[in-house]
N, C-alpha and C. Protein backbone atom coordinates (compact mmCIF):
# COMPACT_ATOMS: atom_id res chain seq x y z
N MET A 1 58.47 -51.41 -2.95
CA MET A 1 57.06 -51.11 -3.22
C MET A 1 56.75 -49.65 -2.84
N LYS A 2 56.13 -48.91 -3.80
CA LYS A 2 55.86 -47.48 -3.61
C LYS A 2 54.57 -47.29 -2.82
N THR A 3 54.61 -46.44 -1.81
CA THR A 3 53.42 -46.17 -1.01
C THR A 3 52.80 -44.83 -1.41
N VAL A 4 51.46 -44.74 -1.24
CA VAL A 4 50.73 -43.51 -1.59
C VAL A 4 50.42 -42.73 -0.31
N ASP A 5 50.73 -41.45 -0.35
CA ASP A 5 50.46 -40.59 0.81
C ASP A 5 49.00 -40.12 0.75
N ASN A 6 48.10 -40.89 1.42
CA ASN A 6 46.67 -40.56 1.40
C ASN A 6 46.38 -39.23 2.06
N THR A 7 47.21 -38.86 3.03
CA THR A 7 47.01 -37.59 3.72
C THR A 7 47.09 -36.42 2.76
N THR A 8 48.12 -36.50 1.87
CA THR A 8 48.32 -35.43 0.89
C THR A 8 47.17 -35.36 -0.10
N SER A 9 46.64 -36.53 -0.53
CA SER A 9 45.56 -36.56 -1.52
C SER A 9 44.23 -36.06 -0.94
N LEU A 10 44.06 -36.09 0.40
CA LEU A 10 42.82 -35.65 1.02
C LEU A 10 42.76 -34.14 1.22
N VAL A 11 43.90 -33.49 1.16
CA VAL A 11 43.96 -32.05 1.42
C VAL A 11 43.06 -31.24 0.50
N PRO A 12 43.10 -31.45 -0.85
CA PRO A 12 42.22 -30.67 -1.73
C PRO A 12 40.74 -30.88 -1.42
N ILE A 13 40.37 -32.13 -1.08
CA ILE A 13 38.98 -32.45 -0.77
C ILE A 13 38.55 -31.73 0.50
N GLN A 14 39.44 -31.74 1.50
CA GLN A 14 39.14 -31.05 2.75
C GLN A 14 39.00 -29.55 2.53
N ASN A 15 39.89 -29.02 1.70
CA ASN A 15 39.83 -27.59 1.41
C ASN A 15 38.52 -27.21 0.71
N GLN A 16 38.07 -28.09 -0.22
CA GLN A 16 36.81 -27.83 -0.92
C GLN A 16 35.64 -27.85 0.07
N GLY A 17 35.67 -28.79 1.01
CA GLY A 17 34.62 -28.88 2.01
C GLY A 17 34.58 -27.65 2.89
N ILE A 18 35.75 -27.20 3.30
CA ILE A 18 35.84 -25.99 4.13
C ILE A 18 35.32 -24.78 3.37
N ALA A 19 35.68 -24.71 2.07
CA ALA A 19 35.24 -23.58 1.24
C ALA A 19 33.72 -23.55 1.13
N LYS A 20 33.10 -24.72 0.98
CA LYS A 20 31.64 -24.80 0.87
C LYS A 20 30.97 -24.35 2.17
N VAL A 21 31.55 -24.79 3.29
CA VAL A 21 31.00 -24.41 4.59
C VAL A 21 31.11 -22.90 4.79
N GLU A 22 32.28 -22.36 4.44
CA GLU A 22 32.48 -20.91 4.58
C GLU A 22 31.52 -20.12 3.71
N LYS A 23 31.29 -20.62 2.47
CA LYS A 23 30.36 -19.95 1.56
C LYS A 23 28.95 -19.98 2.12
N SER A 24 28.58 -21.16 2.68
CA SER A 24 27.25 -21.30 3.27
C SER A 24 27.07 -20.34 4.45
N ILE A 25 28.11 -20.21 5.25
CA ILE A 25 28.06 -19.29 6.40
C ILE A 25 27.90 -17.85 5.93
N LEU A 26 28.65 -17.49 4.88
CA LEU A 26 28.57 -16.14 4.35
C LEU A 26 27.16 -15.83 3.83
N ILE A 27 26.56 -16.81 3.12
CA ILE A 27 25.21 -16.62 2.59
C ILE A 27 24.21 -16.47 3.72
N THR A 28 24.34 -17.34 4.73
CA THR A 28 23.44 -17.29 5.88
C THR A 28 23.55 -15.95 6.61
N ASN A 29 24.78 -15.50 6.81
CA ASN A 29 25.00 -14.21 7.50
C ASN A 29 24.42 -13.05 6.70
N LYS A 30 24.53 -13.15 5.36
CA LYS A 30 24.00 -12.10 4.51
C LYS A 30 22.48 -12.05 4.63
N ILE A 31 21.84 -13.23 4.62
CA ILE A 31 20.39 -13.31 4.74
C ILE A 31 19.93 -12.75 6.09
N LEU A 32 20.63 -13.14 7.15
CA LEU A 32 20.30 -12.66 8.49
C LEU A 32 20.47 -11.15 8.60
N SER A 33 21.54 -10.66 7.96
CA SER A 33 21.79 -9.22 7.98
C SER A 33 20.68 -8.47 7.25
N GLN A 34 20.23 -9.02 6.11
CA GLN A 34 19.14 -8.39 5.35
C GLN A 34 17.85 -8.40 6.14
N GLN A 35 17.59 -9.50 6.86
CA GLN A 35 16.39 -9.59 7.69
C GLN A 35 16.42 -8.56 8.81
N ARG A 36 17.59 -8.43 9.44
CA ARG A 36 17.71 -7.44 10.52
C ARG A 36 17.54 -6.03 9.99
N GLU A 37 18.10 -5.78 8.80
CA GLU A 37 17.97 -4.46 8.20
C GLU A 37 16.50 -4.18 7.85
N TRP A 38 15.79 -5.19 7.32
CA TRP A 38 14.37 -5.06 6.99
C TRP A 38 13.57 -4.74 8.24
N GLU A 39 13.85 -5.49 9.30
CA GLU A 39 13.12 -5.29 10.55
C GLU A 39 13.39 -3.90 11.13
N ARG A 40 14.64 -3.48 11.09
CA ARG A 40 15.00 -2.15 11.60
C ARG A 40 14.25 -1.06 10.83
N TYR A 41 14.26 -1.19 9.51
CA TYR A 41 13.63 -0.18 8.65
C TYR A 41 12.14 -0.08 8.92
N TYR A 42 11.45 -1.22 8.94
CA TYR A 42 10.00 -1.18 9.08
C TYR A 42 9.53 -0.94 10.51
N TYR A 43 10.34 -1.33 11.48
CA TYR A 43 9.96 -0.97 12.85
C TYR A 43 10.16 0.52 13.09
N ASP A 44 11.17 1.12 12.46
CA ASP A 44 11.32 2.58 12.52
C ASP A 44 10.12 3.25 11.87
N TRP A 45 9.71 2.70 10.71
CA TRP A 45 8.53 3.22 10.00
C TRP A 45 7.30 3.13 10.90
N TRP A 46 7.12 1.98 11.55
CA TRP A 46 5.97 1.78 12.43
C TRP A 46 6.00 2.77 13.60
N ASN A 47 7.13 2.92 14.23
CA ASN A 47 7.23 3.79 15.41
C ASN A 47 6.95 5.25 15.08
N ASN A 48 7.10 5.63 13.82
CA ASN A 48 6.84 7.00 13.42
C ASN A 48 5.42 7.23 12.92
N LEU A 49 4.61 6.18 12.93
CA LEU A 49 3.22 6.33 12.49
C LEU A 49 2.40 7.05 13.55
N SER A 50 1.35 7.72 13.10
CA SER A 50 0.39 8.30 14.04
C SER A 50 -0.44 7.17 14.64
N GLU A 51 -1.12 7.47 15.73
CA GLU A 51 -1.95 6.44 16.38
C GLU A 51 -3.05 5.94 15.45
N VAL A 52 -3.64 6.85 14.68
CA VAL A 52 -4.74 6.43 13.82
C VAL A 52 -4.26 5.44 12.75
N TRP A 53 -3.05 5.65 12.22
CA TRP A 53 -2.55 4.73 11.20
C TRP A 53 -2.16 3.39 11.81
N LYS A 54 -1.68 3.40 13.03
CA LYS A 54 -1.40 2.13 13.71
C LYS A 54 -2.70 1.34 13.89
N LYS A 55 -3.76 2.05 14.23
CA LYS A 55 -5.06 1.40 14.39
C LYS A 55 -5.57 0.87 13.05
N ILE A 56 -5.39 1.66 12.00
CA ILE A 56 -5.84 1.25 10.66
C ILE A 56 -5.13 -0.02 10.23
N PHE A 57 -3.82 -0.03 10.35
CA PHE A 57 -3.05 -1.20 9.89
C PHE A 57 -3.34 -2.43 10.75
N ASN A 58 -3.40 -2.26 12.06
CA ASN A 58 -3.72 -3.40 12.92
C ASN A 58 -5.11 -3.95 12.61
N ALA A 59 -6.05 -3.06 12.35
CA ALA A 59 -7.41 -3.50 12.03
C ALA A 59 -7.44 -4.33 10.76
N HIS A 60 -6.58 -3.99 9.80
CA HIS A 60 -6.59 -4.68 8.52
C HIS A 60 -5.84 -6.01 8.54
N ILE A 61 -5.26 -6.36 9.68
CA ILE A 61 -4.73 -7.72 9.82
C ILE A 61 -5.52 -8.47 10.89
N GLY A 62 -6.70 -7.94 11.22
CA GLY A 62 -7.61 -8.64 12.11
C GLY A 62 -7.50 -8.32 13.58
N LYS A 63 -6.68 -7.35 13.97
CA LYS A 63 -6.52 -7.02 15.39
C LYS A 63 -7.53 -5.94 15.81
N ILE A 64 -8.81 -6.33 15.76
CA ILE A 64 -9.89 -5.44 16.17
C ILE A 64 -11.15 -6.29 16.31
N GLU A 65 -12.03 -5.89 17.19
CA GLU A 65 -13.28 -6.63 17.34
C GLU A 65 -14.18 -6.36 16.15
N LYS A 66 -15.07 -7.29 15.86
CA LYS A 66 -15.93 -7.20 14.69
C LYS A 66 -16.83 -5.99 14.75
N ASN A 67 -16.96 -5.32 13.60
CA ASN A 67 -17.84 -4.16 13.49
C ASN A 67 -19.27 -4.64 13.27
N SER A 68 -20.17 -4.23 14.14
CA SER A 68 -21.57 -4.67 14.04
C SER A 68 -22.36 -3.85 13.03
N GLY A 69 -21.72 -2.89 12.41
CA GLY A 69 -22.39 -2.04 11.44
C GLY A 69 -22.10 -0.58 11.72
N GLY A 70 -22.26 0.25 10.69
CA GLY A 70 -21.97 1.67 10.88
C GLY A 70 -20.67 2.06 10.21
N SER A 71 -20.14 3.16 10.64
CA SER A 71 -18.94 3.71 10.04
C SER A 71 -17.71 2.85 10.27
N VAL A 72 -17.06 2.48 9.19
CA VAL A 72 -15.82 1.70 9.28
C VAL A 72 -14.74 2.53 9.97
N ALA A 73 -14.62 3.79 9.54
CA ALA A 73 -13.59 4.67 10.09
C ALA A 73 -13.78 4.91 11.59
N ASN A 74 -15.00 5.21 11.97
CA ASN A 74 -15.26 5.46 13.39
C ASN A 74 -14.99 4.22 14.24
N HIS A 75 -15.36 3.06 13.70
CA HIS A 75 -15.13 1.80 14.43
C HIS A 75 -13.64 1.56 14.62
N ILE A 76 -12.87 1.77 13.57
CA ILE A 76 -11.41 1.56 13.66
C ILE A 76 -10.80 2.51 14.69
N TYR A 77 -11.20 3.76 14.63
CA TYR A 77 -10.61 4.74 15.55
C TYR A 77 -10.99 4.46 17.00
N GLU A 78 -12.23 4.10 17.22
CA GLU A 78 -12.72 3.93 18.59
C GLU A 78 -12.35 2.57 19.19
N LYS A 79 -12.29 1.53 18.35
CA LYS A 79 -12.03 0.19 18.85
C LYS A 79 -10.65 -0.36 18.46
N GLY A 80 -9.94 0.37 17.63
CA GLY A 80 -8.64 -0.12 17.16
C GLY A 80 -7.57 -0.10 18.24
N VAL A 81 -6.48 -0.81 17.97
CA VAL A 81 -5.37 -0.89 18.92
C VAL A 81 -4.09 -0.37 18.26
N ILE A 82 -3.18 0.09 19.10
CA ILE A 82 -1.91 0.60 18.58
C ILE A 82 -0.76 -0.33 18.95
N ASP A 83 -1.08 -1.58 19.27
CA ASP A 83 -0.07 -2.56 19.68
C ASP A 83 1.07 -2.68 18.66
N LEU A 84 2.26 -2.84 19.16
CA LEU A 84 3.42 -3.08 18.30
C LEU A 84 3.28 -4.48 17.68
N PRO A 85 3.29 -4.58 16.35
CA PRO A 85 3.15 -5.90 15.72
C PRO A 85 4.42 -6.73 15.89
N ASN A 86 4.25 -8.06 15.96
CA ASN A 86 5.43 -8.92 15.93
C ASN A 86 5.93 -9.01 14.49
N LYS A 87 6.99 -9.74 14.26
CA LYS A 87 7.60 -9.77 12.92
C LYS A 87 6.65 -10.30 11.87
N GLU A 88 5.91 -11.35 12.22
CA GLU A 88 4.96 -11.94 11.27
C GLU A 88 3.85 -10.96 10.96
N GLU A 89 3.34 -10.28 11.97
CA GLU A 89 2.27 -9.30 11.77
C GLU A 89 2.76 -8.11 10.95
N LEU A 90 4.00 -7.72 11.18
CA LEU A 90 4.56 -6.59 10.43
C LEU A 90 4.64 -6.93 8.94
N ARG A 91 5.00 -8.15 8.63
CA ARG A 91 5.04 -8.58 7.23
C ARG A 91 3.64 -8.59 6.63
N LEU A 92 2.66 -9.00 7.42
CA LEU A 92 1.28 -8.98 6.94
C LEU A 92 0.84 -7.55 6.62
N ILE A 93 1.23 -6.63 7.47
CA ILE A 93 0.87 -5.22 7.26
C ILE A 93 1.50 -4.69 5.98
N ILE A 94 2.78 -4.95 5.79
CA ILE A 94 3.47 -4.46 4.60
C ILE A 94 2.88 -5.04 3.32
N ASN A 95 2.29 -6.25 3.43
CA ASN A 95 1.71 -6.92 2.26
C ASN A 95 0.20 -6.75 2.14
N ILE A 96 -0.39 -5.83 2.91
CA ILE A 96 -1.83 -5.58 2.81
C ILE A 96 -2.20 -5.19 1.38
N SER A 97 -3.31 -5.74 0.88
CA SER A 97 -3.75 -5.44 -0.49
C SER A 97 -4.96 -4.50 -0.51
N LYS A 98 -5.61 -4.32 0.65
CA LYS A 98 -6.79 -3.45 0.68
C LYS A 98 -6.83 -2.64 1.97
N ILE A 99 -7.06 -1.33 1.84
CA ILE A 99 -7.25 -0.44 2.98
C ILE A 99 -8.60 0.25 2.83
N ASP A 100 -9.40 0.19 3.89
CA ASP A 100 -10.71 0.84 3.89
C ASP A 100 -10.84 1.66 5.17
N TYR A 101 -10.79 2.98 5.02
CA TYR A 101 -11.01 3.87 6.16
C TYR A 101 -12.08 4.87 5.73
N THR A 102 -13.30 4.39 5.71
CA THR A 102 -14.40 5.17 5.18
C THR A 102 -15.69 4.80 5.92
N GLU A 103 -16.84 4.93 5.27
CA GLU A 103 -18.12 4.60 5.86
C GLU A 103 -18.83 3.53 5.06
N ASN A 104 -19.82 2.91 5.69
CA ASN A 104 -20.70 1.97 4.97
C ASN A 104 -21.88 2.74 4.40
N GLY A 105 -21.57 3.75 3.60
CA GLY A 105 -22.64 4.56 3.03
C GLY A 105 -22.49 6.02 3.42
N TYR A 106 -23.11 6.88 2.67
CA TYR A 106 -22.95 8.32 2.88
C TYR A 106 -23.72 8.86 4.07
N GLU A 107 -24.58 8.03 4.68
CA GLU A 107 -25.35 8.53 5.82
C GLU A 107 -24.51 8.65 7.08
N TYR A 108 -23.30 8.08 7.07
CA TYR A 108 -22.45 8.13 8.25
C TYR A 108 -21.43 9.26 8.12
N ILE A 109 -21.12 9.89 9.24
CA ILE A 109 -20.13 10.96 9.27
C ILE A 109 -18.84 10.41 9.88
N ASN A 110 -17.73 10.70 9.22
CA ASN A 110 -16.43 10.28 9.74
C ASN A 110 -16.01 11.28 10.81
N ASN A 111 -16.05 10.86 12.06
CA ASN A 111 -15.70 11.76 13.16
C ASN A 111 -14.20 11.89 13.37
N TYR A 112 -13.42 11.02 12.71
CA TYR A 112 -11.97 11.01 12.90
C TYR A 112 -11.27 10.98 11.54
N PRO A 113 -11.45 12.03 10.75
CA PRO A 113 -10.88 12.03 9.40
C PRO A 113 -9.35 12.12 9.41
N ILE A 114 -8.76 11.53 8.39
CA ILE A 114 -7.31 11.63 8.20
C ILE A 114 -7.06 12.65 7.09
N ASP A 115 -5.90 13.29 7.14
CA ASP A 115 -5.53 14.23 6.09
C ASP A 115 -4.21 13.84 5.42
N ASP A 116 -3.56 12.82 5.97
CA ASP A 116 -2.24 12.43 5.47
C ASP A 116 -2.23 10.93 5.18
N ILE A 117 -1.87 10.55 3.95
CA ILE A 117 -1.80 9.13 3.60
C ILE A 117 -0.36 8.68 3.29
N SER A 118 0.60 9.44 3.78
CA SER A 118 2.01 9.12 3.50
C SER A 118 2.44 7.73 3.99
N PRO A 119 1.84 7.16 5.06
CA PRO A 119 2.25 5.81 5.47
C PRO A 119 2.03 4.75 4.39
N LEU A 120 1.19 5.05 3.41
CA LEU A 120 0.88 4.07 2.37
C LEU A 120 2.02 3.88 1.38
N THR A 121 3.02 4.72 1.41
CA THR A 121 4.12 4.59 0.46
C THR A 121 4.82 3.24 0.57
N GLU A 122 4.75 2.61 1.73
CA GLU A 122 5.44 1.34 1.93
C GLU A 122 4.60 0.12 1.56
N LEU A 123 3.34 0.33 1.24
CA LEU A 123 2.46 -0.80 0.92
C LEU A 123 2.46 -1.06 -0.59
N LYS A 124 3.54 -1.64 -1.07
CA LYS A 124 3.74 -1.83 -2.50
C LYS A 124 2.76 -2.81 -3.14
N LYS A 125 2.09 -3.62 -2.33
CA LYS A 125 1.14 -4.60 -2.87
C LYS A 125 -0.32 -4.15 -2.73
N LEU A 126 -0.51 -2.89 -2.38
CA LEU A 126 -1.86 -2.37 -2.20
C LEU A 126 -2.59 -2.33 -3.54
N GLU A 127 -3.78 -2.94 -3.58
CA GLU A 127 -4.59 -2.98 -4.79
C GLU A 127 -5.85 -2.13 -4.69
N SER A 128 -6.36 -1.97 -3.47
CA SER A 128 -7.60 -1.21 -3.29
C SER A 128 -7.47 -0.26 -2.11
N LEU A 129 -7.84 1.00 -2.33
CA LEU A 129 -7.77 2.02 -1.29
C LEU A 129 -9.08 2.80 -1.27
N TYR A 130 -9.75 2.79 -0.10
CA TYR A 130 -11.02 3.49 0.04
C TYR A 130 -10.92 4.46 1.22
N ILE A 131 -10.94 5.75 0.91
CA ILE A 131 -10.77 6.78 1.93
C ILE A 131 -11.83 7.87 1.76
N TYR A 132 -13.07 7.47 1.49
CA TYR A 132 -14.16 8.43 1.36
C TYR A 132 -14.33 9.25 2.64
N ASN A 133 -14.77 10.48 2.47
CA ASN A 133 -15.15 11.34 3.60
C ASN A 133 -14.02 11.55 4.61
N ASN A 134 -12.88 11.98 4.12
CA ASN A 134 -11.77 12.37 4.97
C ASN A 134 -11.34 13.78 4.59
N ASN A 135 -10.14 14.17 5.00
CA ASN A 135 -9.63 15.51 4.65
C ASN A 135 -8.34 15.41 3.84
N VAL A 136 -8.22 14.36 3.08
CA VAL A 136 -7.02 14.14 2.28
C VAL A 136 -6.95 15.17 1.15
N PHE A 137 -5.80 15.80 0.98
CA PHE A 137 -5.65 16.80 -0.07
C PHE A 137 -4.56 16.45 -1.07
N ASP A 138 -3.71 15.46 -0.73
CA ASP A 138 -2.58 15.14 -1.60
C ASP A 138 -2.48 13.63 -1.81
N LEU A 139 -2.50 13.20 -3.08
CA LEU A 139 -2.38 11.78 -3.41
C LEU A 139 -0.95 11.35 -3.72
N SER A 140 -0.01 12.22 -3.54
CA SER A 140 1.39 11.92 -3.88
C SER A 140 1.92 10.63 -3.24
N PRO A 141 1.55 10.30 -2.01
CA PRO A 141 2.09 9.09 -1.39
C PRO A 141 1.75 7.79 -2.12
N ILE A 142 0.73 7.80 -2.97
CA ILE A 142 0.40 6.56 -3.68
C ILE A 142 0.94 6.57 -5.11
N ARG A 143 1.78 7.52 -5.40
CA ARG A 143 2.32 7.68 -6.76
C ARG A 143 2.96 6.41 -7.31
N HIS A 144 3.68 5.69 -6.46
CA HIS A 144 4.44 4.53 -6.92
C HIS A 144 3.81 3.19 -6.53
N LEU A 145 2.53 3.20 -6.24
CA LEU A 145 1.84 1.95 -5.93
C LEU A 145 1.36 1.33 -7.24
N ALA A 146 2.26 0.61 -7.88
CA ALA A 146 2.04 0.10 -9.24
C ALA A 146 0.92 -0.92 -9.34
N MET A 147 0.55 -1.55 -8.21
CA MET A 147 -0.48 -2.58 -8.25
C MET A 147 -1.88 -2.05 -7.94
N LEU A 148 -2.00 -0.75 -7.68
CA LEU A 148 -3.29 -0.17 -7.30
C LEU A 148 -4.31 -0.27 -8.44
N LYS A 149 -5.46 -0.88 -8.14
CA LYS A 149 -6.51 -1.08 -9.13
C LYS A 149 -7.78 -0.28 -8.82
N ASN A 150 -8.04 -0.08 -7.54
CA ASN A 150 -9.27 0.59 -7.13
C ASN A 150 -8.96 1.72 -6.16
N LEU A 151 -9.44 2.91 -6.48
CA LEU A 151 -9.22 4.07 -5.62
C LEU A 151 -10.54 4.79 -5.39
N GLY A 152 -10.97 4.81 -4.13
CA GLY A 152 -12.17 5.54 -3.75
C GLY A 152 -11.78 6.69 -2.84
N CYS A 153 -11.84 7.91 -3.33
CA CYS A 153 -11.39 9.07 -2.55
C CYS A 153 -12.40 10.22 -2.63
N ALA A 154 -13.67 9.88 -2.75
CA ALA A 154 -14.71 10.91 -2.82
C ALA A 154 -14.79 11.68 -1.51
N ASN A 155 -15.26 12.91 -1.62
CA ASN A 155 -15.49 13.77 -0.45
C ASN A 155 -14.23 14.02 0.38
N ASN A 156 -13.22 14.52 -0.29
CA ASN A 156 -11.98 14.93 0.35
C ASN A 156 -11.65 16.35 -0.10
N GLN A 157 -10.38 16.71 -0.06
CA GLN A 157 -9.94 18.05 -0.47
C GLN A 157 -8.89 17.96 -1.58
N ILE A 158 -8.98 16.93 -2.39
CA ILE A 158 -7.96 16.65 -3.41
C ILE A 158 -8.06 17.65 -4.56
N LYS A 159 -6.92 18.21 -4.92
CA LYS A 159 -6.88 19.20 -5.99
C LYS A 159 -6.36 18.64 -7.31
N SER A 160 -5.53 17.60 -7.25
CA SER A 160 -4.90 17.10 -8.47
C SER A 160 -4.84 15.58 -8.51
N LEU A 161 -5.05 15.03 -9.71
CA LEU A 161 -4.93 13.59 -9.94
C LEU A 161 -3.57 13.24 -10.53
N GLU A 162 -2.72 14.24 -10.68
CA GLU A 162 -1.41 14.01 -11.29
C GLU A 162 -0.61 12.89 -10.61
N PRO A 163 -0.65 12.76 -9.28
CA PRO A 163 0.14 11.70 -8.64
C PRO A 163 -0.21 10.28 -9.07
N ILE A 164 -1.42 10.05 -9.58
CA ILE A 164 -1.78 8.67 -9.93
C ILE A 164 -1.47 8.34 -11.39
N ILE A 165 -0.76 9.21 -12.05
CA ILE A 165 -0.47 9.01 -13.47
C ILE A 165 0.35 7.74 -13.73
N GLU A 166 1.09 7.29 -12.70
CA GLU A 166 1.91 6.08 -12.84
C GLU A 166 1.19 4.82 -12.36
N CYS A 167 -0.04 4.97 -11.89
CA CYS A 167 -0.81 3.79 -11.42
C CYS A 167 -1.49 3.16 -12.62
N LYS A 168 -0.72 2.50 -13.45
CA LYS A 168 -1.19 2.00 -14.74
C LYS A 168 -2.23 0.90 -14.64
N GLU A 169 -2.33 0.25 -13.50
CA GLU A 169 -3.30 -0.82 -13.33
C GLU A 169 -4.67 -0.32 -12.85
N LEU A 170 -4.78 0.98 -12.61
CA LEU A 170 -6.01 1.53 -12.05
C LEU A 170 -7.20 1.27 -12.98
N ALA A 171 -8.24 0.63 -12.45
CA ALA A 171 -9.42 0.30 -13.23
C ALA A 171 -10.66 1.03 -12.73
N SER A 172 -10.65 1.43 -11.45
CA SER A 172 -11.82 2.08 -10.87
C SER A 172 -11.39 3.30 -10.06
N LEU A 173 -12.02 4.44 -10.35
CA LEU A 173 -11.71 5.68 -9.63
C LEU A 173 -12.99 6.41 -9.28
N HIS A 174 -13.20 6.61 -7.99
CA HIS A 174 -14.37 7.36 -7.50
C HIS A 174 -13.82 8.58 -6.76
N CYS A 175 -13.88 9.74 -7.40
CA CYS A 175 -13.27 10.94 -6.84
C CYS A 175 -14.24 12.12 -6.80
N ARG A 176 -15.52 11.85 -6.67
CA ARG A 176 -16.52 12.92 -6.66
C ARG A 176 -16.32 13.84 -5.46
N ASN A 177 -16.81 15.07 -5.60
CA ASN A 177 -16.80 16.06 -4.52
C ASN A 177 -15.41 16.31 -3.94
N ASN A 178 -14.52 16.73 -4.81
CA ASN A 178 -13.20 17.18 -4.41
C ASN A 178 -12.95 18.55 -5.03
N LEU A 179 -11.71 18.92 -5.22
CA LEU A 179 -11.37 20.22 -5.81
C LEU A 179 -10.58 20.03 -7.10
N ILE A 180 -10.81 18.91 -7.76
CA ILE A 180 -10.06 18.54 -8.97
C ILE A 180 -10.49 19.40 -10.15
N THR A 181 -9.51 19.95 -10.86
CA THR A 181 -9.81 20.82 -12.00
C THR A 181 -9.46 20.19 -13.34
N SER A 182 -8.62 19.14 -13.34
CA SER A 182 -8.17 18.55 -14.60
C SER A 182 -8.19 17.02 -14.56
N LEU A 183 -8.65 16.44 -15.66
CA LEU A 183 -8.65 14.99 -15.82
C LEU A 183 -7.52 14.53 -16.73
N GLU A 184 -6.62 15.43 -17.07
CA GLU A 184 -5.53 15.12 -17.99
C GLU A 184 -4.73 13.88 -17.58
N PRO A 185 -4.42 13.69 -16.30
CA PRO A 185 -3.65 12.50 -15.91
C PRO A 185 -4.32 11.18 -16.28
N LEU A 186 -5.63 11.20 -16.38
CA LEU A 186 -6.36 9.97 -16.68
C LEU A 186 -6.16 9.51 -18.13
N ARG A 187 -5.73 10.42 -18.97
CA ARG A 187 -5.50 10.10 -20.38
C ARG A 187 -4.56 8.90 -20.53
N TYR A 188 -3.67 8.74 -19.57
CA TYR A 188 -2.62 7.71 -19.66
C TYR A 188 -2.96 6.43 -18.88
N LEU A 189 -4.13 6.41 -18.28
CA LEU A 189 -4.53 5.24 -17.50
C LEU A 189 -5.54 4.43 -18.31
N LYS A 190 -5.04 3.65 -19.23
CA LYS A 190 -5.85 2.98 -20.23
C LYS A 190 -6.77 1.88 -19.70
N LYS A 191 -6.53 1.44 -18.47
CA LYS A 191 -7.33 0.33 -17.94
C LYS A 191 -8.56 0.78 -17.15
N ILE A 192 -8.77 2.08 -17.06
CA ILE A 192 -9.92 2.57 -16.30
C ILE A 192 -11.23 2.13 -16.95
N GLU A 193 -12.09 1.50 -16.13
CA GLU A 193 -13.39 1.05 -16.58
C GLU A 193 -14.53 1.81 -15.88
N TYR A 194 -14.25 2.25 -14.67
CA TYR A 194 -15.29 2.87 -13.84
C TYR A 194 -14.76 4.22 -13.34
N LEU A 195 -15.52 5.28 -13.61
CA LEU A 195 -15.09 6.62 -13.18
C LEU A 195 -16.28 7.45 -12.72
N VAL A 196 -16.18 7.95 -11.50
CA VAL A 196 -17.16 8.91 -10.97
C VAL A 196 -16.37 10.15 -10.57
N CYS A 197 -16.60 11.26 -11.26
CA CYS A 197 -15.83 12.48 -10.99
C CYS A 197 -16.73 13.70 -10.87
N SER A 198 -18.00 13.50 -10.61
CA SER A 198 -18.94 14.61 -10.46
C SER A 198 -18.61 15.42 -9.20
N GLY A 199 -19.11 16.65 -9.15
CA GLY A 199 -18.89 17.48 -7.97
C GLY A 199 -17.50 18.08 -7.90
N ASN A 200 -16.83 18.18 -9.05
CA ASN A 200 -15.52 18.82 -9.13
C ASN A 200 -15.59 19.95 -10.15
N PRO A 201 -14.75 20.98 -10.01
CA PRO A 201 -14.76 22.10 -10.97
C PRO A 201 -14.00 21.77 -12.25
N ILE A 202 -14.47 20.72 -12.94
CA ILE A 202 -13.82 20.26 -14.17
C ILE A 202 -14.57 20.83 -15.37
N ILE A 203 -13.80 21.36 -16.32
CA ILE A 203 -14.40 21.94 -17.53
C ILE A 203 -14.13 21.06 -18.75
N ASP A 204 -12.92 20.54 -18.84
CA ASP A 204 -12.50 19.79 -20.02
C ASP A 204 -12.55 18.28 -19.74
N PHE A 205 -13.39 17.58 -20.48
CA PHE A 205 -13.50 16.13 -20.32
C PHE A 205 -12.88 15.37 -21.49
N SER A 206 -12.20 16.07 -22.36
CA SER A 206 -11.61 15.44 -23.55
C SER A 206 -10.58 14.35 -23.22
N PRO A 207 -9.83 14.42 -22.10
CA PRO A 207 -8.89 13.34 -21.81
C PRO A 207 -9.55 11.96 -21.70
N LEU A 208 -10.84 11.94 -21.44
CA LEU A 208 -11.54 10.67 -21.28
C LEU A 208 -11.80 9.98 -22.62
N SER A 209 -11.65 10.70 -23.71
CA SER A 209 -11.92 10.13 -25.03
C SER A 209 -10.96 9.00 -25.38
N ASP A 210 -9.82 8.97 -24.72
CA ASP A 210 -8.82 7.93 -25.00
C ASP A 210 -9.02 6.68 -24.16
N LEU A 211 -9.97 6.69 -23.27
CA LEU A 211 -10.17 5.56 -22.37
C LEU A 211 -11.19 4.60 -22.98
N LYS A 212 -10.71 3.69 -23.78
CA LYS A 212 -11.56 2.79 -24.56
C LYS A 212 -12.22 1.70 -23.72
N ASN A 213 -11.71 1.46 -22.51
CA ASN A 213 -12.27 0.40 -21.67
C ASN A 213 -13.36 0.92 -20.73
N MET A 214 -13.67 2.21 -20.82
CA MET A 214 -14.65 2.80 -19.92
C MET A 214 -16.02 2.16 -20.08
N ARG A 215 -16.57 1.69 -18.94
CA ARG A 215 -17.90 1.09 -18.94
C ARG A 215 -18.92 1.92 -18.16
N HIS A 216 -18.41 2.69 -17.20
CA HIS A 216 -19.30 3.52 -16.39
C HIS A 216 -18.64 4.87 -16.16
N LEU A 217 -19.40 5.93 -16.43
CA LEU A 217 -18.90 7.29 -16.24
C LEU A 217 -19.99 8.17 -15.65
N THR A 218 -19.69 8.81 -14.53
CA THR A 218 -20.59 9.80 -13.94
C THR A 218 -19.78 11.08 -13.76
N TYR A 219 -20.19 12.13 -14.46
CA TYR A 219 -19.45 13.38 -14.39
C TYR A 219 -20.33 14.58 -14.04
N LYS A 220 -21.63 14.36 -13.85
CA LYS A 220 -22.53 15.45 -13.48
C LYS A 220 -23.28 15.09 -12.20
């Protein structure tokens, strides 16, 4: 009577099981490595921020006492915290969709203006940015924020709108009282519905003729 060597027949099955476990371990290690790399990158980014930007970002994830009224910017600067965020908070910051560092009306003066918005380059999900009454002169840091829909940058020192030419989702732009000389970049932003550009040394308004969705325009 012929006997079957069960030990030999189990070897391929065991090998398959080991291979699956090893593959699972490799995938897990890869995920963990990516998480560590993400954390390293963004904690380095955080550590290089100025105090005012740490306060701004912390405020926008709720780490600040309620503002009873008045200047948003002044409240953030005076009451904001620079605490190091934990991992969950850091993810919330990176996924912020709205930043407001301005005033609740033109009657308030921003006592702590910002001139640099480069930290915003990492906020890929930013949809609304309000930075009225600051000293910002360059919009280049928001060049690649593809989800940006609303930009309020009145009363700054901005000379060019060229950096926002790739913000194809932009629907609202309030850029009055700057140093802007050309509206040419807006020719390519077909979704713009609301535009306030008064108080700038602009001569040629012809680029606006291509903006068929425009519902509100203030240029004087």
